[in-house]
């Protein structure tokens, strides 16, 4: 049976080879050579001078911003996302798929359009002020708060969905047994429900942390270029054809991604909470 279906995996294997492994190998080569679009392949030589980008103040600040904002976004998304997922799970609604669809509905639109819309709402003169006569957020565009709100708004569904999936798999009889054994509802949550949903929390945290840390569009738009993430540095390097530094920084991000995948495999080997 396995052999009969193995042929269906070949297009995916080819896709991995062409669009994943070959580009990674190219990035490794470019990051460790003097590769430039203006020189020929015969003039390319091995060098470690590109690694100096990792100690430059702008790069260190960008890494710090990426990690700090990604951590704050993950923490806020965890608090809000777990509460929403838990309420959806407990809600006596026949078709919860509709509720989950509403949760992920913003993800169906373009990221740049959503971010630009948030930028408008956070500006002094915005559409809400024009309609209602008052400013909802005040003029916070270009501030760290605006970036944090934009990140949470964008990536909150990535926390809700895996947490809800983990909660939905918990046997209701375990909750009833916990109450029968004398636990209070709060004790039942902390001793039964939360530990059993931890896989969803880990999956959601990784799914929020990684794109937040590696992203560049949201901080670039909402901070008006005042707050730099490592993704903004990579974007700038490739725009100005500094492929060596751009490839090296991309490989650093890739290390974070591989480490997160390894962590996820430890907590959720079957991938049950990944949607």
C-alpha atoms as a PDB file:
ATOM      1  CA  UNK A   1       0.000   0.000   0.000  1.00  0.00           C
ATOM      2  CA  UNK A   2       2.788   2.399   0.870  1.00  0.00           C
ATOM      3  CA  UNK A   3       4.592   1.715  -2.403  1.00  0.00           C
ATOM      4  CA  UNK A   4       1.455   2.266  -4.429  1.00  0.00           C
ATOM      5  CA  UNK A   5       1.026   5.720  -2.950  1.00  0.00           C
ATOM      6  CA  UNK A   6       4.712   6.699  -2.937  1.00  0.00           C
ATOM      7  CA  UNK A   7       4.425   8.045  -6.481  1.00  0.00           C
ATOM      8  CA  UNK A   8       2.115  10.790  -5.211  1.00  0.00           C
ATOM      9  CA  UNK A   9       4.944  12.102  -3.015  1.00  0.00           C
ATOM     10  CA  UNK A  10       7.351  12.623  -5.911  1.00  0.00           C
ATOM     11  CA  UNK A  11       5.969  16.019  -7.018  1.00  0.00           C
ATOM     12  CA  UNK A  12       6.298  17.207  -3.419  1.00  0.00           C
ATOM     13  CA  UNK A  13       9.859  15.861  -3.236  1.00  0.00           C
ATOM     14  CA  UNK A  14      10.703  17.686  -6.439  1.00  0.00           C
ATOM     15  CA  UNK A  15       9.139  20.851  -5.033  1.00  0.00           C
ATOM     16  CA  UNK A  16      11.270  20.532  -1.886  1.00  0.00           C
ATOM     17  CA  UNK A  17      14.414  20.014  -3.936  1.00  0.00           C
ATOM     18  CA  UNK A  18      13.878  22.931  -6.325  1.00  0.00           C
ATOM     19  CA  UNK A  19      12.280  25.480  -4.027  1.00  0.00           C
ATOM     20  CA  UNK A  20      13.787  24.616  -0.619  1.00  0.00           C
ATOM     21  CA  UNK A  21      17.065  22.695  -0.630  1.00  0.00           C
ATOM     22  CA  UNK A  22      18.675  24.289  -3.678  1.00  0.00           C
ATOM     23  CA  UNK A  23      17.959  27.861  -2.458  1.00  0.00           C
ATOM     24  CA  UNK A  24      19.336  26.976   0.990  1.00  0.00           C
ATOM     25  CA  UNK A  25      22.537  25.626  -0.556  1.00  0.00           C
ATOM     26  CA  UNK A  26      22.768  28.781  -2.686  1.00  0.00           C
ATOM     27  CA  UNK A  27      22.386  30.975   0.408  1.00  0.00           C
ATOM     28  CA  UNK A  28      25.137  29.053   2.212  1.00  0.00           C
ATOM     29  CA  UNK A  29      27.482  29.472  -0.760  1.00  0.00           C
ATOM     30  CA  UNK A  30      26.667  33.177  -1.187  1.00  0.00           C
ATOM     31  CA  UNK A  31      27.062  33.918   2.534  1.00  0.00           C
ATOM     32  CA  UNK A  32      30.569  32.409   2.600  1.00  0.00           C
ATOM     33  CA  UNK A  33      31.944  33.839  -0.635  1.00  0.00           C
ATOM     34  CA  UNK A  34      32.524  37.225  -2.265  1.00  0.00           C
ATOM     35  CA  UNK A  35      29.666  36.536  -4.686  1.00  0.00           C
ATOM     36  CA  UNK A  36      28.409  39.594  -6.509  1.00  0.00           C
ATOM     37  CA  UNK A  37      26.138  39.929  -9.513  1.00  0.00           C
ATOM     38  CA  UNK A  38      28.848  41.929 -11.306  1.00  0.00           C
ATOM     39  CA  UNK A  39      31.609  39.315 -11.105  1.00  0.00           C
ATOM     40  CA  UNK A  40      32.002  36.033 -12.934  1.00  0.00           C
ATOM     41  CA  UNK A  41      31.837  32.630 -11.271  1.00  0.00           C
ATOM     42  CA  UNK A  42      35.559  32.106 -11.843  1.00  0.00           C
ATOM     43  CA  UNK A  43      36.375  35.085  -9.588  1.00  0.00           C
ATOM     44  CA  UNK A  44      34.300  33.870  -6.628  1.00  0.00           C
ATOM     45  CA  UNK A  45      36.427  33.035  -3.594  1.00  0.00           C
ATOM     46  CA  UNK A  46      35.761  31.764  -0.082  1.00  0.00           C
ATOM     47  CA  UNK A  47      35.661  34.406   2.682  1.00  0.00           C
ATOM     48  CA  UNK A  48      34.444  34.833   6.239  1.00  0.00           C
ATOM     49  CA  UNK A  49      34.384  38.623   6.123  1.00  0.00           C
ATOM     50  CA  UNK A  50      30.631  38.596   5.616  1.00  0.00           C
ATOM     51  CA  UNK A  51      30.167  37.478   9.221  1.00  0.00           C
ATOM     52  CA  UNK A  52      31.091  40.984  10.366  1.00  0.00           C
ATOM     53  CA  UNK A  53      27.464  41.958   9.708  1.00  0.00           C
ATOM     54  CA  UNK A  54      26.450  39.938  12.780  1.00  0.00           C
ATOM     55  CA  UNK A  55      28.335  42.285  15.130  1.00  0.00           C
ATOM     56  CA  UNK A  56      27.280  45.585  13.597  1.00  0.00           C
ATOM     57  CA  UNK A  57      25.214  47.783  15.969  1.00  0.00           C
ATOM     58  CA  UNK A  58      22.292  48.074  13.545  1.00  0.00           C
ATOM     59  CA  UNK A  59      22.076  44.293  13.227  1.00  0.00           C
ATOM     60  CA  UNK A  60      22.225  43.766  16.995  1.00  0.00           C
ATOM     61  CA  UNK A  61      19.495  46.361  17.541  1.00  0.00           C
ATOM     62  CA  UNK A  62      17.351  44.707  14.865  1.00  0.00           C
ATOM     63  CA  UNK A  63      17.809  41.281  16.467  1.00  0.00           C
ATOM     64  CA  UNK A  64      16.910  42.724  19.873  1.00  0.00           C
ATOM     65  CA  UNK A  65      13.780  44.400  18.487  1.00  0.00           C
ATOM     66  CA  UNK A  66      12.736  41.225  16.682  1.00  0.00           C
ATOM     67  CA  UNK A  67      13.104  39.027  19.763  1.00  0.00           C
ATOM     68  CA  UNK A  68      11.511  41.526  22.178  1.00  0.00           C
ATOM     69  CA  UNK A  69       8.498  42.275  19.980  1.00  0.00           C
ATOM     70  CA  UNK A  70       8.077  38.616  19.008  1.00  0.00           C
ATOM     71  CA  UNK A  71       8.133  37.597  22.689  1.00  0.00           C
ATOM     72  CA  UNK A  72       5.622  40.280  23.695  1.00  0.00           C
ATOM     73  CA  UNK A  73       3.366  39.420  20.764  1.00  0.00           C
ATOM     74  CA  UNK A  74       3.489  35.714  21.631  1.00  0.00           C
ATOM     75  CA  UNK A  75       2.704  36.403  25.297  1.00  0.00           C
ATOM     76  CA  UNK A  76      -0.255  38.684  24.524  1.00  0.00           C
ATOM     77  CA  UNK A  77      -1.528  36.323  21.826  1.00  0.00           C
ATOM     78  CA  UNK A  78      -1.293  33.434  24.293  1.00  0.00           C
ATOM     79  CA  UNK A  79      -3.384  35.236  26.928  1.00  0.00           C
ATOM     80  CA  UNK A  80      -6.012  36.486  24.494  1.00  0.00           C
ATOM     81  CA  UNK A  81      -5.942  33.443  22.214  1.00  0.00           C
ATOM     82  CA  UNK A  82      -6.255  30.877  24.982  1.00  0.00           C
ATOM     83  CA  UNK A  83      -9.178  32.726  26.525  1.00  0.00           C
ATOM     84  CA  UNK A  84     -10.996  32.979  23.176  1.00  0.00           C
ATOM     85  CA  UNK A  85     -10.274  29.360  22.252  1.00  0.00           C
ATOM     86  CA  UNK A  86     -11.486  28.165  25.647  1.00  0.00           C
ATOM     87  CA  UNK A  87     -14.683  30.221  25.397  1.00  0.00           C
ATOM     88  CA  UNK A  88     -15.350  28.893  21.896  1.00  0.00           C
ATOM     89  CA  UNK A  89     -14.802  25.344  23.130  1.00  0.00           C
ATOM     90  CA  UNK A  90     -17.235  25.793  26.043  1.00  0.00           C
ATOM     91  CA  UNK A  91     -19.828  27.693  24.007  1.00  0.00           C
ATOM     92  CA  UNK A  92     -23.035  25.795  23.303  1.00  0.00           C
ATOM     93  CA  UNK A  93     -22.983  26.449  19.581  1.00  0.00           C
ATOM     94  CA  UNK A  94     -23.964  23.761  17.119  1.00  0.00           C
ATOM     95  CA  UNK A  95     -21.639  24.860  14.317  1.00  0.00           C
ATOM     96  CA  UNK A  96     -18.418  26.161  15.841  1.00  0.00           C
ATOM     97  CA  UNK A  97     -16.831  26.083  12.402  1.00  0.00           C
ATOM     98  CA  UNK A  98     -18.661  29.347  11.658  1.00  0.00           C
ATOM     99  CA  UNK A  99     -17.084  30.987  14.711  1.00  0.00           C
ATOM    100  CA  UNK A 100     -13.625  29.762  13.739  1.00  0.00           C
ATOM    101  CA  UNK A 101     -14.211  31.030  10.214  1.00  0.00           C
ATOM    102  CA  UNK A 102     -14.944  34.489  11.615  1.00  0.00           C
ATOM    103  CA  UNK A 103     -11.727  34.280  13.651  1.00  0.00           C
ATOM    104  CA  UNK A 104      -9.572  33.510  10.612  1.00  0.00           C
ATOM    105  CA  UNK A 105     -11.528  35.769   8.230  1.00  0.00           C
ATOM    106  CA  UNK A 106      -8.973  38.622   8.387  1.00  0.00           C
ATOM    107  CA  UNK A 107      -6.272  36.173   7.259  1.00  0.00           C
ATOM    108  CA  UNK A 108      -8.035  35.843   3.914  1.00  0.00           C
ATOM    109  CA  UNK A 109      -7.166  39.420   2.985  1.00  0.00           C
ATOM    110  CA  UNK A 110      -3.779  40.737   1.907  1.00  0.00           C
ATOM    111  CA  UNK A 111      -1.341  41.420   4.761  1.00  0.00           C
ATOM    112  CA  UNK A 112      -0.235  44.766   3.321  1.00  0.00           C
ATOM    113  CA  UNK A 113      -3.844  45.945   2.931  1.00  0.00           C
ATOM    114  CA  UNK A 114      -4.664  44.978   6.531  1.00  0.00           C
ATOM    115  CA  UNK A 115      -1.579  46.746   7.829  1.00  0.00           C
ATOM    116  CA  UNK A 116      -2.294  49.881   5.804  1.00  0.00           C
ATOM    117  CA  UNK A 117      -5.861  49.839   7.157  1.00  0.00           C
ATOM    118  CA  UNK A 118      -4.518  49.645  10.714  1.00  0.00           C
ATOM    119  CA  UNK A 119      -2.164  52.493   9.901  1.00  0.00           C
ATOM    120  CA  UNK A 120      -5.145  54.595   8.862  1.00  0.00           C
ATOM    121  CA  UNK A 121      -7.105  53.742  12.014  1.00  0.00           C
ATOM    122  CA  UNK A 122      -4.126  54.654  14.216  1.00  0.00           C
ATOM    123  CA  UNK A 123      -3.519  57.988  12.476  1.00  0.00           C
ATOM    124  CA  UNK A 124      -4.904  61.315  13.675  1.00  0.00           C
ATOM    125  CA  UNK A 125      -7.363  61.695  10.798  1.00  0.00           C
ATOM    126  CA  UNK A 126      -8.884  58.302  10.067  1.00  0.00           C
ATOM    127  CA  UNK A 127     -12.061  56.749   8.779  1.00  0.00           C
ATOM    128  CA  UNK A 128     -13.467  55.994  12.257  1.00  0.00           C
ATOM    129  CA  UNK A 129     -13.094  59.621  13.300  1.00  0.00           C
ATOM    130  CA  UNK A 130     -14.818  60.689  10.102  1.00  0.00           C
ATOM    131  CA  UNK A 131     -17.779  58.367  10.783  1.00  0.00           C
ATOM    132  CA  UNK A 132     -18.137  58.441  14.583  1.00  0.00           C
ATOM    133  CA  UNK A 133     -16.607  61.805  15.354  1.00  0.00           C
ATOM    134  CA  UNK A 134     -13.945  60.535  17.767  1.00  0.00           C
ATOM    135  CA  UNK A 135     -10.552  58.876  17.461  1.00  0.00           C
ATOM    136  CA  UNK A 136     -10.468  55.253  18.653  1.00  0.00           C
ATOM    137  CA  UNK A 137      -6.717  54.876  19.228  1.00  0.00           C
ATOM    138  CA  UNK A 138      -5.529  58.454  19.168  1.00  0.00           C
ATOM    139  CA  UNK A 139      -2.534  59.275  17.029  1.00  0.00           C
ATOM    140  CA  UNK A 140      -0.237  56.350  17.816  1.00  0.00           C
ATOM    141  CA  UNK A 141       1.027  55.634  14.303  1.00  0.00           C
ATOM    142  CA  UNK A 142       4.790  55.387  14.197  1.00  0.00           C
ATOM    143  CA  UNK A 143       5.038  54.260  17.841  1.00  0.00           C
ATOM    144  CA  UNK A 144       6.066  50.904  19.378  1.00  0.00           C
ATOM    145  CA  UNK A 145       2.477  50.457  20.603  1.00  0.00           C
ATOM    146  CA  UNK A 146       1.184  50.658  17.046  1.00  0.00           C
ATOM    147  CA  UNK A 147       3.620  47.939  15.948  1.00  0.00           C
ATOM    148  CA  UNK A 148       2.657  45.690  18.870  1.00  0.00           C
ATOM    149  CA  UNK A 149      -1.072  46.098  18.201  1.00  0.00           C
ATOM    150  CA  UNK A 150      -0.531  45.334  14.526  1.00  0.00           C
ATOM    151  CA  UNK A 151       1.479  42.198  15.278  1.00  0.00           C
ATOM    152  CA  UNK A 152      -1.072  40.863  17.787  1.00  0.00           C
ATOM    153  CA  UNK A 153      -3.984  41.628  15.469  1.00  0.00           C
ATOM    154  CA  UNK A 154      -2.278  39.858  12.572  1.00  0.00           C
ATOM    155  CA  UNK A 155      -1.015  36.720  14.294  1.00  0.00           C
ATOM    156  CA  UNK A 156      -3.642  36.124  16.998  1.00  0.00           C
ATOM    157  CA  UNK A 157      -5.519  33.541  14.848  1.00  0.00           C
ATOM    158  CA  UNK A 158      -2.315  31.482  14.666  1.00  0.00           C
ATOM    159  CA  UNK A 159      -2.599  31.033  18.431  1.00  0.00           C
ATOM    160  CA  UNK A 160      -6.347  30.478  18.629  1.00  0.00           C
ATOM    161  CA  UNK A 161      -6.573  27.641  16.100  1.00  0.00           C
ATOM    162  CA  UNK A 162      -3.988  25.190  17.527  1.00  0.00           C
ATOM    163  CA  UNK A 163      -5.104  25.885  21.106  1.00  0.00           C
ATOM    164  CA  UNK A 164      -8.723  25.262  20.164  1.00  0.00           C
ATOM    165  CA  UNK A 165      -7.723  22.038  18.381  1.00  0.00           C
ATOM    166  CA  UNK A 166      -5.920  20.816  21.502  1.00  0.00           C
ATOM    167  CA  UNK A 167      -8.847  21.756  23.769  1.00  0.00           C
ATOM    168  CA  UNK A 168     -11.342  20.045  21.489  1.00  0.00           C
ATOM    169  CA  UNK A 169      -9.403  16.753  21.773  1.00  0.00           C
ATOM    170  CA  UNK A 170      -9.695  16.660  25.581  1.00  0.00           C
ATOM    171  CA  UNK A 171     -12.160  13.980  26.682  1.00  0.00           C
ATOM    172  CA  UNK A 172     -15.066  15.599  28.524  1.00  0.00           C
ATOM    173  CA  UNK A 173     -15.168  12.612  30.880  1.00  0.00           C
ATOM    174  CA  UNK A 174     -11.778  13.653  32.256  1.00  0.00           C
ATOM    175  CA  UNK A 175     -13.238  17.004  33.260  1.00  0.00           C
ATOM    176  CA  UNK A 176     -16.238  15.325  34.878  1.00  0.00           C
ATOM    177  CA  UNK A 177     -13.972  12.932  36.746  1.00  0.00           C
ATOM    178  CA  UNK A 178     -11.868  15.832  38.041  1.00  0.00           C
ATOM    179  CA  UNK A 179     -14.967  17.497  39.473  1.00  0.00           C
ATOM    180  CA  UNK A 180     -16.215  14.212  40.955  1.00  0.00           C
ATOM    181  CA  UNK A 181     -12.869  13.838  42.754  1.00  0.00           C
ATOM    182  CA  UNK A 182     -13.398  17.148  44.514  1.00  0.00           C
ATOM    183  CA  UNK A 183     -11.518  19.644  42.356  1.00  0.00           C
ATOM    184  CA  UNK A 184     -12.934  23.117  41.974  1.00  0.00           C
ATOM    185  CA  UNK A 185     -13.494  24.438  38.423  1.00  0.00           C
ATOM    186  CA  UNK A 186     -10.305  26.519  38.726  1.00  0.00           C
ATOM    187  CA  UNK A 187      -8.296  23.527  39.957  1.00  0.00           C
ATOM    188  CA  UNK A 188      -9.764  21.430  37.157  1.00  0.00           C
ATOM    189  CA  UNK A 189      -8.520  23.954  34.631  1.00  0.00           C
ATOM    190  CA  UNK A 190      -4.963  24.165  35.961  1.00  0.00           C
ATOM    191  CA  UNK A 191      -4.506  20.451  36.769  1.00  0.00           C
ATOM    192  CA  UNK A 192      -6.368  18.839  33.879  1.00  0.00           C
ATOM    193  CA  UNK A 193      -7.299  21.137  31.000  1.00  0.00           C
ATOM    194  CA  UNK A 194      -4.224  23.341  30.726  1.00  0.00           C
ATOM    195  CA  UNK A 195      -1.642  20.511  30.894  1.00  0.00           C
ATOM    196  CA  UNK A 196      -3.540  18.546  28.245  1.00  0.00           C
ATOM    197  CA  UNK A 197      -3.713  21.597  25.972  1.00  0.00           C
ATOM    198  CA  UNK A 198      -0.029  22.438  26.316  1.00  0.00           C
ATOM    199  CA  UNK A 199       0.767  21.005  22.887  1.00  0.00           C
ATOM    200  CA  UNK A 200      -1.567  23.549  21.335  1.00  0.00           C
ATOM    201  CA  UNK A 201       0.047  26.351  23.328  1.00  0.00           C
ATOM    202  CA  UNK A 202       3.530  25.351  22.133  1.00  0.00           C
ATOM    203  CA  UNK A 203       2.366  25.032  18.528  1.00  0.00           C
ATOM    204  CA  UNK A 204       0.569  28.377  18.655  1.00  0.00           C
ATOM    205  CA  UNK A 205       3.512  30.098  20.309  1.00  0.00           C
ATOM    206  CA  UNK A 206       5.886  28.905  17.593  1.00  0.00           C
ATOM    207  CA  UNK A 207       3.435  29.853  14.848  1.00  0.00           C
ATOM    208  CA  UNK A 208       3.213  33.373  16.298  1.00  0.00           C
ATOM    209  CA  UNK A 209       6.837  33.878  17.325  1.00  0.00           C
ATOM    210  CA  UNK A 210       8.534  32.876  14.060  1.00  0.00           C
ATOM    211  CA  UNK A 211       6.641  35.058  11.549  1.00  0.00           C
ATOM    212  CA  UNK A 212       6.701  37.959  14.011  1.00  0.00           C
ATOM    213  CA  UNK A 213      10.458  37.766  14.434  1.00  0.00           C
ATOM    214  CA  UNK A 214      11.200  37.311  10.728  1.00  0.00           C
ATOM    215  CA  UNK A 215       8.595  39.735   9.393  1.00  0.00           C
ATOM    216  CA  UNK A 216       9.327  43.181   8.013  1.00  0.00           C
ATOM    217  CA  UNK A 217       6.125  44.633   6.497  1.00  0.00           C
ATOM    218  CA  UNK A 218       4.249  45.366   9.737  1.00  0.00           C
ATOM    219  CA  UNK A 219       7.085  47.149  11.592  1.00  0.00           C
ATOM    220  CA  UNK A 220       8.055  49.033   8.436  1.00  0.00           C
ATOM    221  CA  UNK A 221       4.544  50.369   7.863  1.00  0.00           C
ATOM    222  CA  UNK A 222       3.244  50.901  11.403  1.00  0.00           C
ATOM    223  CA  UNK A 223       6.471  52.360  12.812  1.00  0.00           C
ATOM    224  CA  UNK A 224       7.047  54.458   9.684  1.00  0.00           C
ATOM    225  CA  UNK A 225      10.521  52.941   9.413  1.00  0.00           C
ATOM    226  CA  UNK A 226      11.549  53.962  12.944  1.00  0.00           C
ATOM    227  CA  UNK A 227      11.717  50.421  14.361  1.00  0.00           C
ATOM    228  CA  UNK A 228      13.894  47.924  12.532  1.00  0.00           C
ATOM    229  CA  UNK A 229      13.427  44.169  12.714  1.00  0.00           C
ATOM    230  CA  UNK A 230      15.951  41.699  11.365  1.00  0.00           C
ATOM    231  CA  UNK A 231      13.561  41.141   8.453  1.00  0.00           C
ATOM    232  CA  UNK A 232      13.895  44.837   7.559  1.00  0.00           C
ATOM    233  CA  UNK A 233      17.695  44.507   7.514  1.00  0.00           C
ATOM    234  CA  UNK A 234      17.462  41.468   5.221  1.00  0.00           C
ATOM    235  CA  UNK A 235      14.999  43.294   2.964  1.00  0.00           C
ATOM    236  CA  UNK A 236      17.331  46.286   2.705  1.00  0.00           C
ATOM    237  CA  UNK A 237      20.357  44.119   1.944  1.00  0.00           C
ATOM    238  CA  UNK A 238      18.620  42.381  -0.959  1.00  0.00           C
ATOM    239  CA  UNK A 239      17.148  45.633  -2.301  1.00  0.00           C
ATOM    240  CA  UNK A 240      20.648  47.104  -2.533  1.00  0.00           C
ATOM    241  CA  UNK A 241      21.999  43.799  -3.954  1.00  0.00           C
ATOM    242  CA  UNK A 242      24.145  43.008  -0.918  1.00  0.00           C
ATOM    243  CA  UNK A 243      23.348  39.334  -1.329  1.00  0.00           C
ATOM    244  CA  UNK A 244      26.177  38.125   0.918  1.00  0.00           C
ATOM    245  CA  UNK A 245      24.900  39.815   4.070  1.00  0.00           C
ATOM    246  CA  UNK A 246      21.267  39.171   3.160  1.00  0.00           C
ATOM    247  CA  UNK A 247      21.892  35.444   2.689  1.00  0.00           C
ATOM    248  CA  UNK A 248      23.870  35.184   5.925  1.00  0.00           C
ATOM    249  CA  UNK A 249      21.147  36.888   7.994  1.00  0.00           C
ATOM    250  CA  UNK A 250      18.540  34.691   6.315  1.00  0.00           C
ATOM    251  CA  UNK A 251      20.475  31.620   7.421  1.00  0.00           C
ATOM    252  CA  UNK A 252      20.433  32.898  11.003  1.00  0.00           C
ATOM    253  CA  UNK A 253      16.641  33.139  10.821  1.00  0.00           C
ATOM    254  CA  UNK A 254      16.584  29.634   9.353  1.00  0.00           C
ATOM    255  CA  UNK A 255      18.440  28.341  12.419  1.00  0.00           C
ATOM    256  CA  UNK A 256      15.670  29.767  14.629  1.00  0.00           C
ATOM    257  CA  UNK A 257      13.062  28.085  12.419  1.00  0.00           C
ATOM    258  CA  UNK A 258      14.769  24.688  12.534  1.00  0.00           C
ATOM    259  CA  UNK A 259      15.171  24.942  16.300  1.00  0.00           C
ATOM    260  CA  UNK A 260      11.475  25.746  16.663  1.00  0.00           C
ATOM    261  CA  UNK A 261      10.511  22.796  14.468  1.00  0.00           C
ATOM    262  CA  UNK A 262      12.654  20.528  16.645  1.00  0.00           C
ATOM    263  CA  UNK A 263      10.917  21.892  19.753  1.00  0.00           C
ATOM    264  CA  UNK A 264       7.504  21.397  18.175  1.00  0.00           C
ATOM    265  CA  UNK A 265       8.320  17.780  17.303  1.00  0.00           C
ATOM    266  CA  UNK A 266       9.093  17.142  20.968  1.00  0.00           C
ATOM    267  CA  UNK A 267       5.693  18.421  22.127  1.00  0.00           C
ATOM    268  CA  UNK A 268       3.493  17.385  19.207  1.00  0.00           C
ATOM    269  CA  UNK A 269       5.041  14.462  17.359  1.00  0.00           C
ATOM    270  CA  UNK A 270       1.852  13.644  15.439  1.00  0.00           C
ATOM    271  CA  UNK A 271       1.224  17.271  14.404  1.00  0.00           C
ATOM    272  CA  UNK A 272      -2.313  17.101  15.776  1.00  0.00           C
ATOM    273  CA  UNK A 273      -2.469  20.794  16.676  1.00  0.00           C
ATOM    274  CA  UNK A 274      -1.098  22.098  13.375  1.00  0.00           C
ATOM    275  CA  UNK A 275      -3.719  23.355  10.969  1.00  0.00           C
END
